N, C-alpha and C. Protein backbone atom coordinates (compact mmCIF):
# COMPACT_ATOMS: atom_id res chain seq x y z
N MET A 1 6.56 19.09 57.23
CA MET A 1 6.18 18.65 55.91
C MET A 1 6.53 19.76 54.92
N PRO A 2 7.30 19.40 53.87
CA PRO A 2 7.68 20.43 52.91
C PRO A 2 6.46 20.87 52.11
N PRO A 3 6.50 22.11 51.64
CA PRO A 3 5.35 22.59 50.86
C PRO A 3 5.20 21.78 49.58
N ALA A 4 3.99 21.47 49.24
CA ALA A 4 3.72 20.66 48.04
C ALA A 4 3.95 21.53 46.81
N ARG A 5 4.71 20.98 45.92
CA ARG A 5 4.94 21.72 44.68
C ARG A 5 3.73 21.53 43.77
N PRO A 6 3.43 22.51 42.98
CA PRO A 6 2.25 22.39 42.12
C PRO A 6 2.48 21.32 41.05
N LEU A 7 1.46 20.54 40.82
CA LEU A 7 1.54 19.50 39.81
C LEU A 7 1.38 20.11 38.43
N PRO A 8 2.10 19.56 37.45
CA PRO A 8 1.98 20.11 36.10
C PRO A 8 0.65 19.74 35.47
N THR A 9 0.26 20.53 34.51
CA THR A 9 -0.91 20.20 33.71
C THR A 9 -0.42 19.69 32.36
N VAL A 10 -1.32 19.08 31.60
CA VAL A 10 -0.94 18.55 30.29
C VAL A 10 -0.47 19.68 29.39
N ASN A 11 -1.14 20.82 29.45
CA ASN A 11 -0.76 21.94 28.60
C ASN A 11 0.61 22.47 28.95
N GLY A 12 1.02 22.32 30.21
CA GLY A 12 2.31 22.83 30.63
C GLY A 12 3.45 21.85 30.40
N MET A 13 3.15 20.63 30.05
CA MET A 13 4.20 19.64 29.81
C MET A 13 4.89 19.93 28.49
N THR A 14 6.22 19.78 28.50
CA THR A 14 6.97 20.05 27.27
C THR A 14 7.36 18.78 26.56
N GLY A 15 7.44 17.66 27.26
CA GLY A 15 7.89 16.43 26.63
C GLY A 15 6.79 15.61 26.00
N MET A 16 5.56 16.08 26.08
CA MET A 16 4.45 15.29 25.55
C MET A 16 3.57 16.16 24.68
N GLU A 17 3.32 15.72 23.51
CA GLU A 17 2.36 16.40 22.66
C GLU A 17 1.06 15.62 22.77
N ALA A 18 0.06 16.21 23.37
CA ALA A 18 -1.21 15.51 23.60
C ALA A 18 -2.07 15.65 22.36
N ARG A 19 -1.88 14.73 21.39
CA ARG A 19 -2.69 14.75 20.18
C ARG A 19 -4.02 14.05 20.41
N ASP A 20 -4.04 13.11 21.31
CA ASP A 20 -5.25 12.36 21.59
C ASP A 20 -6.02 13.08 22.69
N THR A 21 -7.13 13.70 22.34
CA THR A 21 -7.86 14.51 23.32
C THR A 21 -8.43 13.68 24.46
N GLU A 22 -8.83 12.46 24.15
CA GLU A 22 -9.38 11.61 25.22
C GLU A 22 -8.30 11.25 26.22
N LEU A 23 -7.12 10.94 25.74
CA LEU A 23 -6.01 10.62 26.63
C LEU A 23 -5.61 11.86 27.42
N LYS A 24 -5.69 13.01 26.80
CA LYS A 24 -5.39 14.27 27.49
C LYS A 24 -6.38 14.49 28.62
N ARG A 25 -7.65 14.23 28.34
CA ARG A 25 -8.67 14.38 29.39
C ARG A 25 -8.43 13.40 30.53
N GLU A 26 -8.02 12.18 30.18
CA GLU A 26 -7.73 11.18 31.22
C GLU A 26 -6.58 11.64 32.11
N LEU A 27 -5.55 12.20 31.50
CA LEU A 27 -4.40 12.67 32.27
C LEU A 27 -4.80 13.85 33.16
N ASP A 28 -5.57 14.77 32.60
CA ASP A 28 -6.04 15.90 33.41
C ASP A 28 -6.88 15.41 34.59
N ALA A 29 -7.74 14.43 34.34
CA ALA A 29 -8.58 13.88 35.42
C ALA A 29 -7.72 13.20 36.47
N SER A 30 -6.68 12.48 36.04
CA SER A 30 -5.79 11.82 37.00
C SER A 30 -5.03 12.84 37.83
N LEU A 31 -4.58 13.90 37.20
CA LEU A 31 -3.87 14.95 37.94
C LEU A 31 -4.80 15.65 38.92
N GLN A 32 -6.03 15.91 38.51
CA GLN A 32 -7.01 16.55 39.40
C GLN A 32 -7.34 15.63 40.57
N ALA A 33 -7.50 14.34 40.29
CA ALA A 33 -7.78 13.38 41.37
C ALA A 33 -6.60 13.33 42.33
N ARG A 34 -5.39 13.43 41.84
CA ARG A 34 -4.20 13.43 42.70
C ARG A 34 -4.20 14.64 43.62
N ARG A 35 -4.60 15.80 43.07
CA ARG A 35 -4.67 17.01 43.89
C ARG A 35 -5.72 16.86 45.00
N GLU A 36 -6.84 16.23 44.67
CA GLU A 36 -7.92 16.10 45.64
C GLU A 36 -7.67 15.00 46.65
N LEU A 37 -7.09 13.86 46.21
CA LEU A 37 -6.93 12.72 47.10
C LEU A 37 -5.63 12.73 47.88
N GLY A 38 -4.62 13.38 47.37
CA GLY A 38 -3.36 13.44 48.08
C GLY A 38 -2.37 12.40 47.60
N GLU A 39 -1.21 12.41 48.23
CA GLU A 39 -0.09 11.56 47.80
C GLU A 39 -0.33 10.08 48.03
N GLU A 40 -1.17 9.71 49.00
CA GLU A 40 -1.36 8.29 49.30
C GLU A 40 -2.01 7.52 48.16
N TYR A 41 -2.72 8.19 47.26
CA TYR A 41 -3.36 7.53 46.12
C TYR A 41 -2.58 7.72 44.81
N GLU A 42 -1.43 8.36 44.92
CA GLU A 42 -0.67 8.70 43.71
C GLU A 42 -0.29 7.47 42.90
N SER A 43 0.23 6.44 43.55
CA SER A 43 0.66 5.26 42.78
C SER A 43 -0.52 4.57 42.10
N ALA A 44 -1.66 4.52 42.75
CA ALA A 44 -2.84 3.89 42.14
C ALA A 44 -3.31 4.71 40.94
N LEU A 45 -3.28 6.04 41.06
CA LEU A 45 -3.69 6.88 39.94
C LEU A 45 -2.72 6.75 38.77
N VAL A 46 -1.43 6.72 39.06
CA VAL A 46 -0.42 6.57 38.00
C VAL A 46 -0.57 5.21 37.33
N ASP A 47 -0.75 4.16 38.13
CA ASP A 47 -0.93 2.83 37.55
C ASP A 47 -2.16 2.77 36.66
N SER A 48 -3.25 3.40 37.08
CA SER A 48 -4.47 3.40 36.28
C SER A 48 -4.26 4.13 34.96
N PHE A 49 -3.59 5.30 35.02
CA PHE A 49 -3.35 6.04 33.79
C PHE A 49 -2.40 5.28 32.87
N LEU A 50 -1.35 4.69 33.43
CA LEU A 50 -0.41 3.93 32.61
C LEU A 50 -1.06 2.71 31.97
N GLU A 51 -2.02 2.12 32.63
CA GLU A 51 -2.76 0.99 32.06
C GLU A 51 -3.55 1.45 30.83
N LYS A 52 -4.15 2.64 30.93
CA LYS A 52 -4.88 3.18 29.78
C LYS A 52 -3.94 3.50 28.62
N VAL A 53 -2.79 4.07 28.93
CA VAL A 53 -1.81 4.36 27.89
C VAL A 53 -1.32 3.06 27.25
N ASP A 54 -1.08 2.05 28.09
CA ASP A 54 -0.63 0.75 27.58
C ASP A 54 -1.67 0.14 26.65
N GLN A 55 -2.95 0.26 26.99
CA GLN A 55 -4.01 -0.25 26.13
C GLN A 55 -4.04 0.48 24.80
N ARG A 56 -3.82 1.79 24.83
CA ARG A 56 -3.78 2.57 23.59
C ARG A 56 -2.62 2.15 22.71
N VAL A 57 -1.46 1.97 23.32
CA VAL A 57 -0.28 1.55 22.55
C VAL A 57 -0.50 0.17 21.95
N ASP A 58 -1.04 -0.74 22.76
CA ASP A 58 -1.31 -2.09 22.25
C ASP A 58 -2.28 -2.06 21.07
N ALA A 59 -3.32 -1.25 21.17
CA ALA A 59 -4.30 -1.16 20.08
C ALA A 59 -3.66 -0.58 18.82
N ALA A 60 -2.80 0.44 18.99
CA ALA A 60 -2.14 1.04 17.83
C ALA A 60 -1.18 0.05 17.17
N VAL A 61 -0.44 -0.69 17.99
CA VAL A 61 0.49 -1.69 17.44
C VAL A 61 -0.28 -2.79 16.72
N GLU A 62 -1.38 -3.22 17.31
CA GLU A 62 -2.19 -4.27 16.68
C GLU A 62 -2.75 -3.80 15.33
N ARG A 63 -3.20 -2.54 15.25
CA ARG A 63 -3.69 -2.01 13.98
C ARG A 63 -2.58 -1.99 12.94
N ARG A 64 -1.39 -1.56 13.33
CA ARG A 64 -0.27 -1.51 12.39
C ARG A 64 0.12 -2.90 11.91
N VAL A 65 0.17 -3.84 12.84
CA VAL A 65 0.54 -5.21 12.46
C VAL A 65 -0.48 -5.79 11.50
N ARG A 66 -1.76 -5.58 11.79
CA ARG A 66 -2.81 -6.08 10.89
C ARG A 66 -2.71 -5.45 9.51
N ARG A 67 -2.45 -4.13 9.47
CA ARG A 67 -2.35 -3.45 8.18
C ARG A 67 -1.14 -3.96 7.40
N GLN A 68 0.00 -4.12 8.06
CA GLN A 68 1.18 -4.61 7.37
C GLN A 68 0.98 -6.05 6.91
N PHE A 69 0.31 -6.87 7.72
CA PHE A 69 0.04 -8.25 7.33
C PHE A 69 -0.88 -8.29 6.11
N ALA A 70 -1.91 -7.44 6.11
CA ALA A 70 -2.82 -7.39 4.96
C ALA A 70 -2.09 -6.91 3.71
N GLU A 71 -1.21 -5.91 3.87
CA GLU A 71 -0.45 -5.42 2.72
C GLU A 71 0.48 -6.49 2.19
N SER A 72 1.12 -7.26 3.07
CA SER A 72 2.02 -8.31 2.59
C SER A 72 1.23 -9.43 1.91
N GLN A 73 0.03 -9.73 2.41
CA GLN A 73 -0.79 -10.74 1.75
C GLN A 73 -1.24 -10.26 0.38
N MET A 74 -1.59 -8.98 0.27
CA MET A 74 -1.98 -8.44 -1.03
C MET A 74 -0.82 -8.47 -2.01
N ALA A 75 0.38 -8.13 -1.53
CA ALA A 75 1.55 -8.15 -2.41
C ALA A 75 1.86 -9.58 -2.84
N ALA A 76 1.74 -10.53 -1.92
CA ALA A 76 1.99 -11.93 -2.28
C ALA A 76 0.96 -12.43 -3.27
N ALA A 77 -0.29 -12.01 -3.08
CA ALA A 77 -1.34 -12.44 -4.01
C ALA A 77 -1.11 -11.85 -5.40
N ARG A 78 -0.66 -10.58 -5.45
CA ARG A 78 -0.39 -9.97 -6.76
C ARG A 78 0.78 -10.65 -7.45
N ASP A 79 1.83 -10.99 -6.69
CA ASP A 79 3.00 -11.62 -7.29
C ASP A 79 2.74 -13.05 -7.71
N SER A 80 1.82 -13.73 -7.01
CA SER A 80 1.56 -15.13 -7.35
C SER A 80 0.73 -15.27 -8.61
N ARG A 81 0.01 -14.23 -8.97
CA ARG A 81 -0.79 -14.28 -10.20
C ARG A 81 0.09 -13.92 -11.37
N SER A 82 0.50 -14.90 -12.11
CA SER A 82 1.29 -14.59 -13.31
C SER A 82 0.34 -14.54 -14.50
N PRO A 83 0.51 -13.56 -15.38
CA PRO A 83 -0.40 -13.45 -16.51
C PRO A 83 -0.40 -14.69 -17.38
N GLY A 84 0.74 -15.35 -17.51
CA GLY A 84 0.80 -16.55 -18.33
C GLY A 84 -0.06 -17.67 -17.79
N ALA A 85 -0.21 -17.71 -16.46
CA ALA A 85 -1.01 -18.77 -15.85
C ALA A 85 -2.51 -18.52 -16.04
N THR A 86 -2.91 -17.25 -16.09
CA THR A 86 -4.34 -16.96 -16.20
C THR A 86 -4.77 -16.76 -17.65
N ASP A 87 -3.85 -16.43 -18.56
CA ASP A 87 -4.21 -16.21 -19.95
C ASP A 87 -4.22 -17.54 -20.69
N SER A 88 -5.32 -17.83 -21.30
CA SER A 88 -5.43 -19.09 -22.03
C SER A 88 -5.03 -18.87 -23.48
N TRP A 89 -4.85 -19.98 -24.18
CA TRP A 89 -4.52 -19.91 -25.60
C TRP A 89 -5.65 -19.22 -26.35
N GLY A 90 -6.88 -19.49 -25.94
CA GLY A 90 -8.04 -18.88 -26.59
C GLY A 90 -8.06 -17.36 -26.45
N GLU A 91 -7.63 -16.87 -25.31
CA GLU A 91 -7.58 -15.43 -25.11
C GLU A 91 -6.55 -14.79 -26.05
N ARG A 92 -5.40 -15.40 -26.17
CA ARG A 92 -4.37 -14.87 -27.07
C ARG A 92 -4.83 -14.95 -28.53
N PHE A 93 -5.45 -16.07 -28.89
CA PHE A 93 -5.95 -16.25 -30.25
C PHE A 93 -7.04 -15.22 -30.55
N GLY A 94 -7.95 -15.03 -29.59
CA GLY A 94 -9.03 -14.06 -29.76
C GLY A 94 -8.49 -12.64 -29.92
N PHE A 95 -7.45 -12.31 -29.16
CA PHE A 95 -6.85 -10.97 -29.29
C PHE A 95 -6.27 -10.77 -30.68
N GLY A 96 -5.62 -11.81 -31.20
CA GLY A 96 -5.05 -11.72 -32.56
C GLY A 96 -6.14 -11.56 -33.61
N ILE A 97 -7.23 -12.30 -33.49
CA ILE A 97 -8.33 -12.20 -34.46
C ILE A 97 -8.96 -10.82 -34.41
N VAL A 98 -9.24 -10.32 -33.21
CA VAL A 98 -9.83 -8.99 -33.07
C VAL A 98 -8.90 -7.94 -33.64
N SER A 99 -7.61 -8.11 -33.40
CA SER A 99 -6.63 -7.16 -33.93
C SER A 99 -6.65 -7.13 -35.45
N LEU A 100 -6.72 -8.29 -36.07
CA LEU A 100 -6.76 -8.34 -37.54
C LEU A 100 -8.07 -7.79 -38.09
N VAL A 101 -9.18 -8.09 -37.42
CA VAL A 101 -10.47 -7.59 -37.88
C VAL A 101 -10.51 -6.07 -37.80
N LEU A 102 -9.98 -5.50 -36.73
CA LEU A 102 -9.95 -4.05 -36.60
C LEU A 102 -8.90 -3.41 -37.50
N ALA A 103 -7.90 -4.18 -37.93
CA ALA A 103 -6.85 -3.63 -38.79
C ALA A 103 -7.40 -3.21 -40.15
N VAL A 104 -8.41 -3.92 -40.65
CA VAL A 104 -8.96 -3.60 -41.98
C VAL A 104 -9.58 -2.21 -42.02
N PRO A 105 -10.55 -1.89 -41.15
CA PRO A 105 -11.11 -0.54 -41.23
C PRO A 105 -10.11 0.54 -40.81
N LEU A 106 -9.25 0.24 -39.86
CA LEU A 106 -8.26 1.23 -39.44
C LEU A 106 -7.28 1.53 -40.58
N SER A 107 -6.92 0.49 -41.34
CA SER A 107 -6.03 0.70 -42.48
C SER A 107 -6.72 1.56 -43.54
N ALA A 108 -7.98 1.31 -43.77
CA ALA A 108 -8.72 2.10 -44.75
C ALA A 108 -8.83 3.55 -44.32
N ILE A 109 -9.10 3.76 -43.07
CA ILE A 109 -9.20 5.14 -42.56
C ILE A 109 -7.85 5.84 -42.65
N GLY A 110 -6.78 5.15 -42.21
CA GLY A 110 -5.45 5.76 -42.24
C GLY A 110 -4.99 6.06 -43.65
N ALA A 111 -5.20 5.12 -44.57
CA ALA A 111 -4.77 5.33 -45.96
C ALA A 111 -5.65 6.36 -46.65
N GLY A 112 -6.92 6.40 -46.30
CA GLY A 112 -7.83 7.35 -46.95
C GLY A 112 -7.58 8.79 -46.53
N THR A 113 -7.15 8.99 -45.30
CA THR A 113 -6.95 10.36 -44.83
C THR A 113 -5.53 10.86 -45.03
N ALA A 114 -4.53 10.00 -44.85
CA ALA A 114 -3.14 10.47 -44.94
C ALA A 114 -2.31 9.63 -45.91
N HIS A 115 -2.93 8.82 -46.72
CA HIS A 115 -2.28 7.98 -47.74
C HIS A 115 -1.26 7.05 -47.10
N LEU A 116 -0.08 6.93 -47.68
CA LEU A 116 0.92 5.96 -47.20
C LEU A 116 1.38 6.26 -45.77
N PRO A 117 1.67 7.50 -45.40
CA PRO A 117 2.08 7.74 -44.01
C PRO A 117 0.98 7.35 -43.02
N GLY A 118 -0.27 7.59 -43.34
CA GLY A 118 -1.38 7.20 -42.46
C GLY A 118 -1.48 5.70 -42.33
N LEU A 119 -1.27 4.98 -43.44
CA LEU A 119 -1.30 3.52 -43.40
C LEU A 119 -0.15 2.98 -42.55
N LEU A 120 1.04 3.56 -42.68
CA LEU A 120 2.20 3.12 -41.89
C LEU A 120 1.99 3.39 -40.40
N VAL A 121 1.46 4.55 -40.07
CA VAL A 121 1.20 4.86 -38.66
C VAL A 121 0.16 3.89 -38.09
N THR A 122 -0.86 3.58 -38.86
CA THR A 122 -1.89 2.64 -38.41
C THR A 122 -1.27 1.28 -38.12
N TRP A 123 -0.44 0.77 -39.01
CA TRP A 123 0.14 -0.55 -38.81
C TRP A 123 1.21 -0.57 -37.72
N VAL A 124 1.92 0.53 -37.54
CA VAL A 124 2.86 0.61 -36.41
C VAL A 124 2.07 0.51 -35.11
N GLY A 125 0.93 1.18 -35.04
CA GLY A 125 0.09 1.09 -33.85
C GLY A 125 -0.45 -0.31 -33.62
N ILE A 126 -0.90 -0.96 -34.67
CA ILE A 126 -1.44 -2.33 -34.55
C ILE A 126 -0.35 -3.28 -34.10
N VAL A 127 0.82 -3.19 -34.72
CA VAL A 127 1.94 -4.06 -34.33
C VAL A 127 2.37 -3.76 -32.90
N GLY A 128 2.40 -2.49 -32.51
CA GLY A 128 2.78 -2.12 -31.15
C GLY A 128 1.84 -2.71 -30.11
N VAL A 129 0.55 -2.63 -30.35
CA VAL A 129 -0.42 -3.20 -29.42
C VAL A 129 -0.22 -4.71 -29.30
N ASN A 130 0.02 -5.39 -30.40
CA ASN A 130 0.21 -6.84 -30.37
C ASN A 130 1.52 -7.22 -29.69
N VAL A 131 2.57 -6.42 -29.87
CA VAL A 131 3.85 -6.70 -29.19
C VAL A 131 3.69 -6.56 -27.68
N VAL A 132 2.98 -5.51 -27.25
CA VAL A 132 2.75 -5.33 -25.82
C VAL A 132 1.94 -6.49 -25.26
N GLN A 133 0.92 -6.90 -25.97
CA GLN A 133 0.11 -8.04 -25.51
C GLN A 133 0.94 -9.31 -25.45
N ALA A 134 1.79 -9.54 -26.45
CA ALA A 134 2.64 -10.74 -26.45
C ALA A 134 3.64 -10.70 -25.30
N ALA A 135 4.20 -9.53 -25.01
CA ALA A 135 5.15 -9.41 -23.90
C ALA A 135 4.45 -9.61 -22.57
N ARG A 136 3.22 -9.18 -22.48
CA ARG A 136 2.47 -9.35 -21.23
C ARG A 136 2.13 -10.81 -20.96
N THR A 137 1.70 -11.51 -21.99
CA THR A 137 1.27 -12.89 -21.80
C THR A 137 2.42 -13.88 -21.82
N SER A 138 3.53 -13.54 -22.46
CA SER A 138 4.69 -14.44 -22.52
C SER A 138 5.94 -13.63 -22.19
N PRO A 139 6.26 -13.45 -20.91
CA PRO A 139 7.36 -12.58 -20.53
C PRO A 139 8.72 -13.04 -21.07
N GLY A 140 8.93 -14.32 -21.28
CA GLY A 140 10.20 -14.80 -21.78
C GLY A 140 10.36 -14.67 -23.29
N LEU A 141 9.32 -14.22 -23.98
CA LEU A 141 9.32 -14.15 -25.44
C LEU A 141 10.38 -13.20 -25.98
N PHE A 142 10.56 -12.06 -25.33
CA PHE A 142 11.50 -11.07 -25.80
C PHE A 142 12.74 -10.98 -24.91
N GLY A 143 13.01 -12.02 -24.16
CA GLY A 143 14.17 -12.03 -23.26
C GLY A 143 13.91 -11.27 -21.97
N LEU A 144 12.66 -10.92 -21.72
CA LEU A 144 12.31 -10.22 -20.48
C LEU A 144 12.04 -11.24 -19.40
N ARG A 145 12.36 -10.88 -18.16
CA ARG A 145 12.09 -11.76 -17.04
C ARG A 145 11.05 -11.14 -16.16
N ARG A 146 10.33 -11.99 -15.48
CA ARG A 146 9.34 -11.52 -14.52
C ARG A 146 10.05 -11.04 -13.28
N ARG A 147 9.44 -10.10 -12.60
CA ARG A 147 9.96 -9.61 -11.33
C ARG A 147 10.01 -10.76 -10.34
N GLY A 148 11.07 -10.83 -9.55
CA GLY A 148 11.21 -11.89 -8.57
C GLY A 148 11.68 -13.20 -9.15
N SER A 149 12.21 -13.17 -10.35
CA SER A 149 12.67 -14.38 -10.99
C SER A 149 13.90 -14.91 -10.28
N ASP A 150 14.08 -16.22 -10.29
CA ASP A 150 15.22 -16.85 -9.63
C ASP A 150 16.42 -16.96 -10.55
N ARG A 151 16.42 -16.30 -11.69
CA ARG A 151 17.53 -16.42 -12.62
C ARG A 151 18.67 -15.48 -12.29
N ASP A 152 18.63 -14.83 -11.13
CA ASP A 152 19.70 -13.95 -10.69
C ASP A 152 20.67 -14.70 -9.79
N ASP A 153 20.76 -16.02 -9.94
CA ASP A 153 21.60 -16.83 -9.07
C ASP A 153 23.07 -16.48 -9.18
N ASP A 154 23.53 -15.98 -10.32
CA ASP A 154 24.95 -15.68 -10.47
C ASP A 154 25.36 -14.46 -9.62
N TRP A 155 24.40 -13.70 -9.08
CA TRP A 155 24.73 -12.57 -8.22
C TRP A 155 24.73 -12.95 -6.75
N LYS A 156 24.26 -14.14 -6.47
CA LYS A 156 24.21 -14.58 -5.07
C LYS A 156 25.51 -15.25 -4.70
N ASP A 157 25.86 -15.15 -3.42
CA ASP A 157 27.08 -15.80 -2.93
C ASP A 157 26.86 -17.26 -2.66
């Protein structure tokens, strides 16, 4: 009978980085059991350890698949909500009224502190806020398209 070569330990292995301490302990226990029980139990010990590794891999893959599925559902839910569908006419009308009501005191403050330049800056800000709101609620208003629009047909073969 040839002399038994020493079995490697997890720390001595170069092809495996044992990041999972529990799996490392399992491998050490399997190697120790192999030393104590001998070669006749080697295949059973290897099969047992590989089953544990297989369960770990399956669990990791399942977690990744679930996470990717949840992320794709979240992305689909975000894309399906178009601002035009959820914004009512009343909301747009209310925004315009509030904008005009706030324009009066803001104009007075701007004109009172910086005269004509202050008044112009105030109204540029008011118009800018309303343009952004209009572009958000009506994407086609300024020739803008929503992301994922089907109007790119001329680029398809």
